[in-house]
Amino acid sequence: MKKNTKLIREQVQRQLAKSQSLLDISVPHKGWIKAIKDALGMNGRQLAKRIGVTRQRISLLEKQEVDGTVTLNTMKKSAKALDCVFVYCLIPRINLEETVRDQARKIAINRLNRASHTMDLENQALGKKENKDILNHMIEEIMNEQPSNLWDNDA
């Protein structure tokens, strides 16, 4: 396996396990900055002073957060000014190992289908159990090799 990607996946997955509870949190419709600012009883002028920007910039910042154009750096500064911690994380929908396995399965099925077609033409078709065993072996082989073209297409 190249660059020990399995170990890297396991380490990242352990870190991500701590973040799973974040999936249950929904972003307030007015954005986190405005929601926390309001909850603290802080006005725009006060937040602007803490960040070192104008009051108008705070209104723009709140709008940018809601429409998704705010920068990570601005969110960090805003969080600090609100005595908060800005957390940035990508949380996979499924376990990373399963994501790689699914991609390996697509590639293996594609390869097996091509080989099966050729074998059918030569009257050497395999049974269902043999195909399943070969498919599982191919998946494991692809996962162990972790070829550089694993993600080149959806197989």
C-alpha atoms as a PDB file:
ATOM      1  CA  MET A   1       0.000   0.000   0.000  1.00  0.00           C
ATOM      2  CA  LYS A   2       1.451   3.336  -1.029  1.00  0.00           C
ATOM      3  CA  LYS A   3       2.594   5.700   1.740  1.00  0.00           C
ATOM      4  CA  ASN A   4       0.798   3.546   4.257  1.00  0.00           C
ATOM      5  CA  THR A   5      -2.570   5.099   3.383  1.00  0.00           C
ATOM      6  CA  LYS A   6      -4.405   2.514   5.471  1.00  0.00           C
ATOM      7  CA  LEU A   7      -2.641   3.733   8.607  1.00  0.00           C
ATOM      8  CA  ILE A   8      -3.301   7.348   7.625  1.00  0.00           C
ATOM      9  CA  ARG A   9      -6.996   6.529   7.076  1.00  0.00           C
ATOM     10  CA  GLU A  10      -7.196   4.873  10.494  1.00  0.00           C
ATOM     11  CA  GLN A  11      -5.580   7.872  12.205  1.00  0.00           C
ATOM     12  CA  VAL A  12      -7.850  10.367  10.458  1.00  0.00           C
ATOM     13  CA  GLN A  13     -10.891   8.207  11.197  1.00  0.00           C
ATOM     14  CA  ARG A  14     -10.004   8.179  14.917  1.00  0.00           C
ATOM     15  CA  GLN A  15      -9.856  11.983  14.870  1.00  0.00           C
ATOM     16  CA  LEU A  16     -13.136  12.195  12.976  1.00  0.00           C
ATOM     17  CA  ALA A  17     -14.884   9.946  15.484  1.00  0.00           C
ATOM     18  CA  LYS A  18     -14.645  12.832  17.942  1.00  0.00           C
ATOM     19  CA  SER A  19     -16.523  15.069  15.483  1.00  0.00           C
ATOM     20  CA  GLN A  20     -19.541  12.854  14.802  1.00  0.00           C
ATOM     21  CA  SER A  21     -21.690  14.701  17.331  1.00  0.00           C
ATOM     22  CA  LEU A  22     -21.237  17.880  15.262  1.00  0.00           C
ATOM     23  CA  LEU A  23     -23.499  16.377  12.595  1.00  0.00           C
ATOM     24  CA  ASP A  24     -26.475  16.977  14.885  1.00  0.00           C
ATOM     25  CA  ILE A  25     -25.822  20.728  15.104  1.00  0.00           C
ATOM     26  CA  SER A  26     -27.651  22.903  12.615  1.00  0.00           C
ATOM     27  CA  VAL A  27     -26.381  26.352  11.669  1.00  0.00           C
ATOM     28  CA  PRO A  28     -28.711  29.126  12.861  1.00  0.00           C
ATOM     29  CA  HIS A  29     -30.548  30.726   9.927  1.00  0.00           C
ATOM     30  CA  LYS A  30     -28.924  34.075  10.761  1.00  0.00           C
ATOM     31  CA  GLY A  31     -25.453  32.499  11.087  1.00  0.00           C
ATOM     32  CA  TRP A  32     -23.260  31.743  14.071  1.00  0.00           C
ATOM     33  CA  ILE A  33     -21.657  35.175  14.357  1.00  0.00           C
ATOM     34  CA  LYS A  34     -24.958  37.025  14.647  1.00  0.00           C
ATOM     35  CA  ALA A  35     -26.517  34.325  16.833  1.00  0.00           C
ATOM     36  CA  ILE A  36     -23.654  34.357  19.340  1.00  0.00           C
ATOM     37  CA  LYS A  37     -23.264  38.142  19.212  1.00  0.00           C
ATOM     38  CA  ASP A  38     -26.987  38.507  19.994  1.00  0.00           C
ATOM     39  CA  ALA A  39     -26.864  35.825  22.704  1.00  0.00           C
ATOM     40  CA  LEU A  40     -24.004  37.719  24.378  1.00  0.00           C
ATOM     41  CA  GLY A  41     -25.956  40.987  24.172  1.00  0.00           C
ATOM     42  CA  MET A  42     -23.187  42.506  22.050  1.00  0.00           C
ATOM     43  CA  ASN A  43     -24.014  45.001  19.322  1.00  0.00           C
ATOM     44  CA  GLY A  44     -22.353  45.382  15.925  1.00  0.00           C
ATOM     45  CA  ARG A  45     -20.274  48.387  16.987  1.00  0.00           C
ATOM     46  CA  GLN A  46     -18.863  46.488  19.960  1.00  0.00           C
ATOM     47  CA  LEU A  47     -17.987  43.434  17.884  1.00  0.00           C
ATOM     48  CA  ALA A  48     -16.444  45.649  15.204  1.00  0.00           C
ATOM     49  CA  LYS A  49     -14.211  47.266  17.811  1.00  0.00           C
ATOM     50  CA  ARG A  50     -13.108  43.853  19.135  1.00  0.00           C
ATOM     51  CA  ILE A  51     -12.238  42.625  15.637  1.00  0.00           C
ATOM     52  CA  GLY A  52     -10.756  45.947  14.503  1.00  0.00           C
ATOM     53  CA  VAL A  53     -13.159  46.660  11.643  1.00  0.00           C
ATOM     54  CA  THR A  54     -16.034  49.068  10.955  1.00  0.00           C
ATOM     55  CA  ARG A  55     -19.646  48.516  12.013  1.00  0.00           C
ATOM     56  CA  GLN A  56     -20.567  48.224   8.324  1.00  0.00           C
ATOM     57  CA  ARG A  57     -18.034  45.419   7.949  1.00  0.00           C
ATOM     58  CA  ILE A  58     -19.848  43.449  10.677  1.00  0.00           C
ATOM     59  CA  SER A  59     -23.118  43.645   8.715  1.00  0.00           C
ATOM     60  CA  LEU A  60     -21.287  42.478   5.590  1.00  0.00           C
ATOM     61  CA  LEU A  61     -19.537  39.736   7.557  1.00  0.00           C
ATOM     62  CA  GLU A  62     -22.833  38.423   8.922  1.00  0.00           C
ATOM     63  CA  LYS A  63     -24.299  38.425   5.397  1.00  0.00           C
ATOM     64  CA  GLN A  64     -21.217  36.655   4.001  1.00  0.00           C
ATOM     65  CA  GLU A  65     -21.454  33.952   6.637  1.00  0.00           C
ATOM     66  CA  VAL A  66     -25.090  33.272   5.746  1.00  0.00           C
ATOM     67  CA  ASP A  67     -24.449  33.185   1.988  1.00  0.00           C
ATOM     68  CA  GLY A  68     -21.261  31.106   2.380  1.00  0.00           C
ATOM     69  CA  THR A  69     -18.704  33.601   1.083  1.00  0.00           C
ATOM     70  CA  VAL A  70     -16.981  34.381   4.394  1.00  0.00           C
ATOM     71  CA  THR A  71     -13.329  33.330   4.666  1.00  0.00           C
ATOM     72  CA  LEU A  72     -12.002  30.882   7.219  1.00  0.00           C
ATOM     73  CA  ASN A  73      -9.613  33.547   8.488  1.00  0.00           C
ATOM     74  CA  THR A  74     -12.516  35.957   9.080  1.00  0.00           C
ATOM     75  CA  MET A  75     -14.434  33.256  10.933  1.00  0.00           C
ATOM     76  CA  LYS A  76     -11.375  32.638  13.150  1.00  0.00           C
ATOM     77  CA  LYS A  77     -11.071  36.354  13.949  1.00  0.00           C
ATOM     78  CA  SER A  78     -14.790  36.635  14.635  1.00  0.00           C
ATOM     79  CA  ALA A  79     -14.755  33.577  16.875  1.00  0.00           C
ATOM     80  CA  LYS A  80     -11.838  34.974  18.857  1.00  0.00           C
ATOM     81  CA  ALA A  81     -13.619  38.317  19.261  1.00  0.00           C
ATOM     82  CA  LEU A  82     -16.695  36.469  20.536  1.00  0.00           C
ATOM     83  CA  ASP A  83     -14.545  34.381  22.923  1.00  0.00           C
ATOM     84  CA  CYS A  84     -15.320  31.277  20.890  1.00  0.00           C
ATOM     85  CA  VAL A  85     -13.304  28.617  19.118  1.00  0.00           C
ATOM     86  CA  PHE A  86     -13.778  28.274  15.367  1.00  0.00           C
ATOM     87  CA  VAL A  87     -13.985  24.612  14.371  1.00  0.00           C
ATOM     88  CA  TYR A  88     -13.471  23.569  10.752  1.00  0.00           C
ATOM     89  CA  CYS A  89     -13.956  19.955   9.812  1.00  0.00           C
ATOM     90  CA  LEU A  90     -14.937  17.721   6.924  1.00  0.00           C
ATOM     91  CA  ILE A  91     -16.918  14.762   8.209  1.00  0.00           C
ATOM     92  CA  PRO A  92     -17.236  11.842   5.797  1.00  0.00           C
ATOM     93  CA  ARG A  93     -20.716  10.419   5.305  1.00  0.00           C
ATOM     94  CA  ILE A  94     -19.343   6.922   5.890  1.00  0.00           C
ATOM     95  CA  ASN A  95     -16.160   5.476   7.374  1.00  0.00           C
ATOM     96  CA  LEU A  96     -13.097   6.293   5.232  1.00  0.00           C
ATOM     97  CA  GLU A  97     -12.197   2.616   4.951  1.00  0.00           C
ATOM     98  CA  GLU A  98     -15.661   1.883   3.559  1.00  0.00           C
ATOM     99  CA  THR A  99     -15.368   4.774   1.098  1.00  0.00           C
ATOM    100  CA  VAL A 100     -12.133   3.292  -0.260  1.00  0.00           C
ATOM    101  CA  ARG A 101     -13.657  -0.215  -0.247  1.00  0.00           C
ATOM    102  CA  ASP A 102     -16.666   1.042  -2.249  1.00  0.00           C
ATOM    103  CA  GLN A 103     -14.364   2.583  -4.848  1.00  0.00           C
ATOM    104  CA  ALA A 104     -12.249  -0.583  -4.982  1.00  0.00           C
ATOM    105  CA  ARG A 105     -15.456  -2.598  -5.418  1.00  0.00           C
ATOM    106  CA  LYS A 106     -16.465  -0.447  -8.422  1.00  0.00           C
ATOM    107  CA  ILE A 107     -13.094  -0.994 -10.049  1.00  0.00           C
ATOM    108  CA  ALA A 108     -13.126  -4.727  -9.275  1.00  0.00           C
ATOM    109  CA  ILE A 109     -16.637  -5.157 -10.681  1.00  0.00           C
ATOM    110  CA  ASN A 110     -15.607  -3.312 -13.832  1.00  0.00           C
ATOM    111  CA  ARG A 111     -12.540  -5.529 -14.252  1.00  0.00           C
ATOM    112  CA  LEU A 112     -14.469  -8.692 -13.458  1.00  0.00           C
ATOM    113  CA  ASN A 113     -17.224  -7.798 -15.919  1.00  0.00           C
ATOM    114  CA  ARG A 114     -14.674  -7.311 -18.691  1.00  0.00           C
ATOM    115  CA  ALA A 115     -12.990 -10.614 -17.843  1.00  0.00           C
ATOM    116  CA  SER A 116     -16.338 -12.420 -17.509  1.00  0.00           C
ATOM    117  CA  HIS A 117     -17.422 -11.182 -20.919  1.00  0.00           C
ATOM    118  CA  THR A 118     -14.262 -12.605 -22.476  1.00  0.00           C
ATOM    119  CA  MET A 119     -14.684 -15.885 -20.574  1.00  0.00           C
ATOM    120  CA  ASP A 120     -18.344 -16.119 -21.673  1.00  0.00           C
ATOM    121  CA  LEU A 121     -17.234 -15.778 -25.276  1.00  0.00           C
ATOM    122  CA  GLU A 122     -14.825 -18.656 -24.724  1.00  0.00           C
ATOM    123  CA  ASN A 123     -17.423 -20.756 -22.839  1.00  0.00           C
ATOM    124  CA  GLN A 124     -15.373 -20.554 -19.626  1.00  0.00           C
ATOM    125  CA  ALA A 125     -17.903 -18.712 -17.465  1.00  0.00           C
ATOM    126  CA  LEU A 126     -17.559 -19.012 -13.672  1.00  0.00           C
ATOM    127  CA  GLY A 127     -20.322 -19.785 -11.191  1.00  0.00           C
ATOM    128  CA  LYS A 128     -21.811 -17.209  -8.791  1.00  0.00           C
ATOM    129  CA  LYS A 129     -19.738 -18.381  -5.817  1.00  0.00           C
ATOM    130  CA  GLU A 130     -16.527 -18.324  -7.833  1.00  0.00           C
ATOM    131  CA  ASN A 131     -17.340 -14.829  -9.129  1.00  0.00           C
ATOM    132  CA  LYS A 132     -18.075 -13.629  -5.597  1.00  0.00           C
ATOM    133  CA  ASP A 133     -14.828 -15.096  -4.262  1.00  0.00           C
ATOM    134  CA  ILE A 134     -12.826 -13.565  -7.097  1.00  0.00           C
ATOM    135  CA  LEU A 135     -14.558 -10.199  -6.622  1.00  0.00           C
ATOM    136  CA  ASN A 136     -13.743 -10.168  -2.895  1.00  0.00           C
ATOM    137  CA  HIS A 137     -10.140 -11.110  -3.621  1.00  0.00           C
ATOM    138  CA  MET A 138      -9.874  -8.345  -6.229  1.00  0.00           C
ATOM    139  CA  ILE A 139     -11.303  -5.775  -3.817  1.00  0.00           C
ATOM    140  CA  GLU A 140      -8.766  -6.706  -1.142  1.00  0.00           C
ATOM    141  CA  GLU A 141      -5.971  -6.632  -3.699  1.00  0.00           C
ATOM    142  CA  ILE A 142      -6.974  -3.156  -4.921  1.00  0.00           C
ATOM    143  CA  MET A 143      -7.239  -1.883  -1.354  1.00  0.00           C
ATOM    144  CA  ASN A 144      -3.803  -3.274  -0.494  1.00  0.00           C
ATOM    145  CA  GLU A 145      -2.211  -1.862  -3.639  1.00  0.00           C
ATOM    146  CA  GLN A 146      -4.028   1.478  -3.384  1.00  0.00           C
ATOM    147  CA  PRO A 147      -3.267   2.248  -7.045  1.00  0.00           C
ATOM    148  CA  SER A 148      -2.594   5.879  -7.920  1.00  0.00           C
ATOM    149  CA  ASN A 149      -5.538   5.818 -10.331  1.00  0.00           C
ATOM    150  CA  LEU A 150      -8.044   4.613  -7.703  1.00  0.00           C
ATOM    151  CA  TRP A 151      -9.966   7.890  -7.900  1.00  0.00           C
ATOM    152  CA  ASP A 152      -9.460   8.683 -11.585  1.00  0.00           C
ATOM    153  CA  ASN A 153     -13.048   7.775 -12.390  1.00  0.00           C
ATOM    154  CA  ASP A 154     -16.118   6.159 -10.922  1.00  0.00           C
ATOM    155  CA  ALA A 155     -15.294   2.880 -12.648  1.00  0.00           C
END
